[in-house]
Amino acid sequence: MSKEKINIKFKPLETRVLIKKNEREEKTAGGIFIPQTANHKVDKGTVLAVGKLCEELKVNDKILFDKHSGTDIEIGTETYTILMEANVLCVI
């Protein structure tokens, strides 16, 4: 993710969080390509906005979350994910 300022007028409700997923590695350090079917069941991301009832998360937290949780949305040309705070596995 670039260090550019993200200008989003978006406020998640209740215990939802808005995140930007990290790009997946498509090949290993040794140059071996990783097929999509071999990717792990968790994704990494950065929290961009939190709902008013979120207790554990704050903006800019790096998180791990279940790959199949959340809803992808498009704002402008970027794709973001909205998920419940309970679906976040851990802060890293």
C-alpha atoms as a PDB file:
ATOM      1  CA  MET A   1       0.000   0.000   0.000  1.00  0.00           C
ATOM      2  CA  SER A   2       1.345   3.388  -0.909  1.00  0.00           C
ATOM      3  CA  LYS A   3       1.857   6.150   1.632  1.00  0.00           C
ATOM      4  CA  GLU A   4      -0.462   8.538  -0.233  1.00  0.00           C
ATOM      5  CA  LYS A   5      -3.192  10.154   1.819  1.00  0.00           C
ATOM      6  CA  ILE A   6      -6.494   8.351   1.477  1.00  0.00           C
ATOM      7  CA  ASN A   7      -9.389  10.780   1.241  1.00  0.00           C
ATOM      8  CA  ILE A   8     -12.463   8.685   1.985  1.00  0.00           C
ATOM      9  CA  LYS A   9     -15.683  10.129   3.347  1.00  0.00           C
ATOM     10  CA  PHE A  10     -16.874   6.823   4.689  1.00  0.00           C
ATOM     11  CA  LYS A  11     -17.915   5.932   8.228  1.00  0.00           C
ATOM     12  CA  PRO A  12     -18.620   2.261   9.047  1.00  0.00           C
ATOM     13  CA  LEU A  13     -21.604   1.628  11.321  1.00  0.00           C
ATOM     14  CA  GLU A  14     -21.604  -0.093  14.714  1.00  0.00           C
ATOM     15  CA  THR A  15     -18.751  -2.640  14.914  1.00  0.00           C
ATOM     16  CA  ARG A  16     -17.810  -2.663  11.246  1.00  0.00           C
ATOM     17  CA  VAL A  17     -14.388  -1.684   9.930  1.00  0.00           C
ATOM     18  CA  LEU A  18     -13.216  -0.518   6.509  1.00  0.00           C
ATOM     19  CA  ILE A  19      -9.935  -2.053   5.412  1.00  0.00           C
ATOM     20  CA  LYS A  20      -7.576  -2.075   2.461  1.00  0.00           C
ATOM     21  CA  LYS A  21      -6.301  -5.567   1.700  1.00  0.00           C
ATOM     22  CA  ASN A  22      -2.572  -6.034   1.201  1.00  0.00           C
ATOM     23  CA  GLU A  23      -1.520  -7.334  -2.182  1.00  0.00           C
ATOM     24  CA  ARG A  24      -0.878 -11.069  -2.226  1.00  0.00           C
ATOM     25  CA  GLU A  25       2.518 -12.451  -3.036  1.00  0.00           C
ATOM     26  CA  GLU A  26       2.368 -14.210  -6.385  1.00  0.00           C
ATOM     27  CA  LYS A  27       5.813 -15.735  -6.173  1.00  0.00           C
ATOM     28  CA  THR A  28       8.251 -16.731  -3.474  1.00  0.00           C
ATOM     29  CA  ALA A  29      11.617 -15.125  -2.787  1.00  0.00           C
ATOM     30  CA  GLY A  30      13.161 -17.992  -4.752  1.00  0.00           C
ATOM     31  CA  GLY A  31      11.068 -17.167  -7.838  1.00  0.00           C
ATOM     32  CA  ILE A  32       8.469 -19.964  -7.587  1.00  0.00           C
ATOM     33  CA  PHE A  33       4.989 -18.837  -8.654  1.00  0.00           C
ATOM     34  CA  ILE A  34       2.176 -19.482  -6.145  1.00  0.00           C
ATOM     35  CA  PRO A  35      -1.159 -20.532  -7.692  1.00  0.00           C
ATOM     36  CA  GLN A  36      -4.345 -18.869  -6.374  1.00  0.00           C
ATOM     37  CA  THR A  37      -5.551 -22.221  -5.010  1.00  0.00           C
ATOM     38  CA  ALA A  38      -2.496 -22.462  -2.748  1.00  0.00           C
ATOM     39  CA  ASN A  39      -3.018 -19.120  -1.017  1.00  0.00           C
ATOM     40  CA  HIS A  40      -3.701 -19.200   2.684  1.00  0.00           C
ATOM     41  CA  LYS A  41      -7.152 -18.898   4.235  1.00  0.00           C
ATOM     42  CA  VAL A  42      -6.334 -15.555   5.853  1.00  0.00           C
ATOM     43  CA  ASP A  43      -5.647 -12.138   4.393  1.00  0.00           C
ATOM     44  CA  LYS A  44      -3.705  -9.155   5.690  1.00  0.00           C
ATOM     45  CA  GLY A  45      -4.956  -5.603   5.612  1.00  0.00           C
ATOM     46  CA  THR A  46      -4.833  -2.120   7.094  1.00  0.00           C
ATOM     47  CA  VAL A  47      -7.741  -0.535   8.968  1.00  0.00           C
ATOM     48  CA  LEU A  48      -8.842   2.737   7.316  1.00  0.00           C
ATOM     49  CA  ALA A  49     -11.987   3.536   9.342  1.00  0.00           C
ATOM     50  CA  VAL A  50     -13.816   2.050  12.336  1.00  0.00           C
ATOM     51  CA  GLY A  51     -17.416   2.169  13.540  1.00  0.00           C
ATOM     52  CA  LYS A  52     -18.264   3.944  16.779  1.00  0.00           C
ATOM     53  CA  LEU A  53     -18.762   0.694  18.730  1.00  0.00           C
ATOM     54  CA  CYS A  54     -15.391  -0.859  17.821  1.00  0.00           C
ATOM     55  CA  GLU A  55     -13.433  -1.480  20.990  1.00  0.00           C
ATOM     56  CA  GLU A  56     -10.251  -3.257  19.895  1.00  0.00           C
ATOM     57  CA  LEU A  57      -9.312  -1.704  16.557  1.00  0.00           C
ATOM     58  CA  LYS A  58      -8.122   1.728  15.504  1.00  0.00           C
ATOM     59  CA  VAL A  59      -7.166   3.366  12.212  1.00  0.00           C
ATOM     60  CA  ASN A  60      -3.824   2.159  10.737  1.00  0.00           C
ATOM     61  CA  ASP A  61      -3.862  -1.182  12.617  1.00  0.00           C
ATOM     62  CA  LYS A  62      -2.398  -4.024  10.551  1.00  0.00           C
ATOM     63  CA  ILE A  63      -4.717  -7.023  10.832  1.00  0.00           C
ATOM     64  CA  LEU A  64      -5.255 -10.635   9.815  1.00  0.00           C
ATOM     65  CA  PHE A  65      -8.792 -11.683   8.901  1.00  0.00           C
ATOM     66  CA  ASP A  66     -10.578 -14.658   7.388  1.00  0.00           C
ATOM     67  CA  LYS A  67     -10.312 -14.584   3.598  1.00  0.00           C
ATOM     68  CA  HIS A  68     -14.036 -15.322   3.193  1.00  0.00           C
ATOM     69  CA  SER A  69     -15.339 -12.689   5.615  1.00  0.00           C
ATOM     70  CA  GLY A  70     -16.436  -9.203   4.705  1.00  0.00           C
ATOM     71  CA  THR A  71     -17.831  -7.499   1.643  1.00  0.00           C
ATOM     72  CA  ASP A  72     -15.703  -5.952  -1.092  1.00  0.00           C
ATOM     73  CA  ILE A  73     -16.771  -2.503  -2.277  1.00  0.00           C
ATOM     74  CA  GLU A  74     -15.393  -0.063  -4.818  1.00  0.00           C
ATOM     75  CA  ILE A  75     -14.851   3.582  -3.949  1.00  0.00           C
ATOM     76  CA  GLY A  76     -13.552   5.431  -6.973  1.00  0.00           C
ATOM     77  CA  THR A  77     -10.989   3.153  -8.596  1.00  0.00           C
ATOM     78  CA  GLU A  78      -9.963   1.352  -5.392  1.00  0.00           C
ATOM     79  CA  THR A  79     -11.419  -1.809  -3.856  1.00  0.00           C
ATOM     80  CA  TYR A  80     -11.920  -1.954  -0.091  1.00  0.00           C
ATOM     81  CA  THR A  81     -13.431  -4.483   2.301  1.00  0.00           C
ATOM     82  CA  ILE A  82     -15.988  -3.915   5.051  1.00  0.00           C
ATOM     83  CA  LEU A  83     -16.090  -6.508   7.802  1.00  0.00           C
ATOM     84  CA  MET A  84     -17.265  -6.941  11.350  1.00  0.00           C
ATOM     85  CA  GLU A  85     -14.734  -6.355  14.126  1.00  0.00           C
ATOM     86  CA  ALA A  86     -15.465  -9.904  15.358  1.00  0.00           C
ATOM     87  CA  ASN A  87     -14.105 -11.316  12.055  1.00  0.00           C
ATOM     88  CA  VAL A  88     -10.643  -9.859  12.674  1.00  0.00           C
ATOM     89  CA  LEU A  89      -8.345 -12.630  13.873  1.00  0.00           C
ATOM     90  CA  CYS A  90      -5.533 -10.494  15.284  1.00  0.00           C
ATOM     91  CA  VAL A  91      -3.622  -7.235  15.110  1.00  0.00           C
ATOM     92  CA  ILE A  92      -0.060  -7.680  13.843  1.00  0.00           C
END
